[in-house]
């Protein structure tokens, strides 16, 4: 058996996590945040289908929605959504870096928050996950997604 504890001064304040929605226009500072996170992703993973900064602009032009996650004002993640029809959207490219200090629950907190937000406008969110991607499967199952 292992024992754990947490002290009050080590408690992570949810207010240190912030989400920024990007849907119509993307600023130069947001592009810099995406550039940093894309670079981090490419350092952490070798995935030939990874999007580029040019794709970020195209996605925004195509009316897709991005969310950036910040911890203590440092960008640590993103996720994308696009409309399938008036009732359904598609969530994809969830990423929360391990290159920046952040709470371990950040990916769960982030995806739960953006899922709840998107479900205000859509009845259903669809996602597609490679079977090897256990981390994402765990996140989506833990917040209520099902097959």
Protein backbone atom coordinates (compact mmCIF):
# COMPACT_ATOMS: atom_id res chain seq x y z
CA UNK A 1 0.00 0.00 0.00
CA UNK A 2 1.19 3.51 -0.81
CA UNK A 3 0.20 6.65 1.06
CA UNK A 4 -0.24 10.04 -0.56
CA UNK A 5 -0.93 13.53 0.70
CA UNK A 6 -1.12 17.08 -0.57
CA UNK A 7 -0.41 20.30 1.26
CA UNK A 8 -2.55 23.38 0.87
CA UNK A 9 0.31 25.36 -0.68
CA UNK A 10 0.72 22.66 -3.38
CA UNK A 11 -2.93 22.75 -4.40
CA UNK A 12 -3.30 23.60 -8.06
CA UNK A 13 -5.63 26.50 -8.62
CA UNK A 14 -7.95 26.01 -11.55
CA UNK A 15 -7.67 29.75 -12.15
CA UNK A 16 -4.11 29.15 -13.36
CA UNK A 17 -5.56 27.32 -16.39
CA UNK A 18 -7.19 29.43 -19.09
CA UNK A 19 -8.70 28.67 -22.48
CA UNK A 20 -8.78 30.97 -25.50
CA UNK A 21 -11.23 30.36 -28.34
CA UNK A 22 -10.12 31.23 -31.86
CA UNK A 23 -12.77 31.05 -34.56
CA UNK A 24 -12.84 33.94 -37.01
CA UNK A 25 -9.57 35.79 -36.93
CA UNK A 26 -6.19 34.67 -35.69
CA UNK A 27 -3.71 37.16 -34.30
CA UNK A 28 0.04 37.11 -34.83
CA UNK A 29 0.52 36.29 -31.15
CA UNK A 30 -1.83 33.30 -31.49
CA UNK A 31 0.15 32.15 -34.53
CA UNK A 32 3.32 32.34 -32.45
CA UNK A 33 1.67 30.19 -29.76
CA UNK A 34 0.66 27.62 -32.37
CA UNK A 35 4.16 27.67 -33.88
CA UNK A 36 5.68 26.92 -30.48
CA UNK A 37 3.20 24.12 -29.79
CA UNK A 38 3.62 22.58 -33.25
CA UNK A 39 7.39 22.58 -32.69
CA UNK A 40 6.93 20.93 -29.29
CA UNK A 41 4.62 18.31 -30.81
CA UNK A 42 7.22 17.51 -33.48
CA UNK A 43 9.89 17.11 -30.81
CA UNK A 44 7.69 14.77 -28.74
CA UNK A 45 6.14 12.72 -31.56
CA UNK A 46 6.97 11.57 -35.06
CA UNK A 47 3.62 11.84 -36.83
CA UNK A 48 3.73 12.46 -40.58
CA UNK A 49 0.16 13.81 -40.64
CA UNK A 50 0.95 16.71 -38.29
CA UNK A 51 -0.49 20.03 -39.42
CA UNK A 52 1.62 23.11 -40.13
CA UNK A 53 1.26 26.78 -39.30
CA UNK A 54 -0.08 27.31 -42.84
CA UNK A 55 -2.79 24.76 -42.04
CA UNK A 56 -3.74 26.81 -38.97
CA UNK A 57 -4.58 29.78 -41.19
CA UNK A 58 -6.49 27.58 -43.66
CA UNK A 59 -8.54 25.99 -40.87
CA UNK A 60 -9.56 29.37 -39.47
CA UNK A 61 -10.45 30.57 -42.99
CA UNK A 62 -12.59 27.42 -43.34
CA UNK A 63 -14.56 28.39 -40.20
CA UNK A 64 -12.99 25.77 -37.96
CA UNK A 65 -12.60 26.56 -34.26
CA UNK A 66 -9.42 26.24 -32.25
CA UNK A 67 -8.93 26.43 -28.51
CA UNK A 68 -5.59 27.23 -26.92
CA UNK A 69 -4.85 26.10 -23.37
CA UNK A 70 -2.66 28.24 -21.11
CA UNK A 71 -1.14 27.46 -17.74
CA UNK A 72 0.17 30.46 -15.85
CA UNK A 73 -0.06 32.46 -19.09
CA UNK A 74 2.09 29.95 -21.02
CA UNK A 75 0.50 28.09 -23.92
CA UNK A 76 0.50 24.35 -23.31
CA UNK A 77 -2.09 22.89 -25.66
CA UNK A 78 -4.69 23.13 -28.39
CA UNK A 79 -7.64 21.31 -29.89
CA UNK A 80 -9.65 21.81 -33.08
CA UNK A 81 -13.34 21.46 -33.96
CA UNK A 82 -15.12 21.65 -37.29
CA UNK A 83 -18.80 21.57 -38.15
CA UNK A 84 -20.16 18.44 -39.82
CA UNK A 85 -23.76 19.63 -39.89
CA UNK A 86 -25.98 21.86 -37.77
CA UNK A 87 -26.18 19.23 -35.00
CA UNK A 88 -22.73 17.65 -35.09
CA UNK A 89 -19.13 18.77 -34.95
CA UNK A 90 -15.86 16.88 -35.14
CA UNK A 91 -13.12 17.28 -32.53
CA UNK A 92 -9.53 16.56 -33.48
CA UNK A 93 -5.83 17.24 -32.90
CA UNK A 94 -6.00 17.45 -29.11
CA UNK A 95 -2.52 18.09 -27.75
CA UNK A 96 -1.17 19.19 -24.39
CA UNK A 97 2.62 19.44 -24.27
CA UNK A 98 4.89 17.79 -21.77
CA UNK A 99 7.63 20.31 -22.61
CA UNK A 100 6.13 22.99 -20.34
CA UNK A 101 5.42 22.61 -16.64
CA UNK A 102 1.72 21.95 -16.14
CA UNK A 103 -0.66 20.00 -13.92
CA UNK A 104 -0.98 16.35 -14.93
CA UNK A 105 -4.77 16.67 -15.16
CA UNK A 106 -4.54 19.53 -17.71
CA UNK A 107 -5.52 17.46 -20.79
CA UNK A 108 -8.58 16.07 -19.00
CA UNK A 109 -9.64 19.47 -17.65
CA UNK A 110 -9.10 21.12 -21.05
CA UNK A 111 -11.00 18.59 -23.13
CA UNK A 112 -13.88 18.45 -20.64
CA UNK A 113 -14.22 22.25 -20.70
CA UNK A 114 -14.13 22.56 -24.49
CA UNK A 115 -16.46 19.57 -24.89
CA UNK A 116 -19.00 21.20 -22.56
CA UNK A 117 -18.62 24.48 -24.45
CA UNK A 118 -19.11 22.91 -27.89
CA UNK A 119 -22.14 20.94 -26.67
CA UNK A 120 -23.90 24.26 -26.08
CA UNK A 121 -24.05 24.66 -29.90
CA UNK A 122 -24.09 21.03 -31.05
CA UNK A 123 -25.99 17.91 -29.99
CA UNK A 124 -23.06 15.61 -30.75
CA UNK A 125 -19.29 15.75 -30.97
CA UNK A 126 -17.61 13.01 -32.98
CA UNK A 127 -13.95 12.08 -32.65
CA UNK A 128 -11.74 9.56 -34.36
CA UNK A 129 -8.78 8.14 -32.46
CA UNK A 130 -6.10 5.68 -33.56
CA UNK A 131 -6.28 2.54 -31.42
CA UNK A 132 -2.64 3.00 -30.31
CA UNK A 133 -3.41 6.41 -28.81
CA UNK A 134 -4.27 5.21 -25.31
CA UNK A 135 -3.78 8.62 -23.72
CA UNK A 136 -6.50 10.25 -25.83
CA UNK A 137 -8.80 7.23 -25.52
CA UNK A 138 -8.49 7.48 -21.73
CA UNK A 139 -9.27 11.20 -21.79
CA UNK A 140 -12.36 10.94 -23.97
CA UNK A 141 -13.76 7.92 -22.12
CA UNK A 142 -13.19 9.59 -18.74
CA UNK A 143 -15.33 12.58 -19.72
CA UNK A 144 -18.18 10.57 -21.21
CA UNK A 145 -17.47 9.86 -24.88
CA UNK A 146 -18.62 6.43 -26.04
CA UNK A 147 -18.46 4.22 -29.15
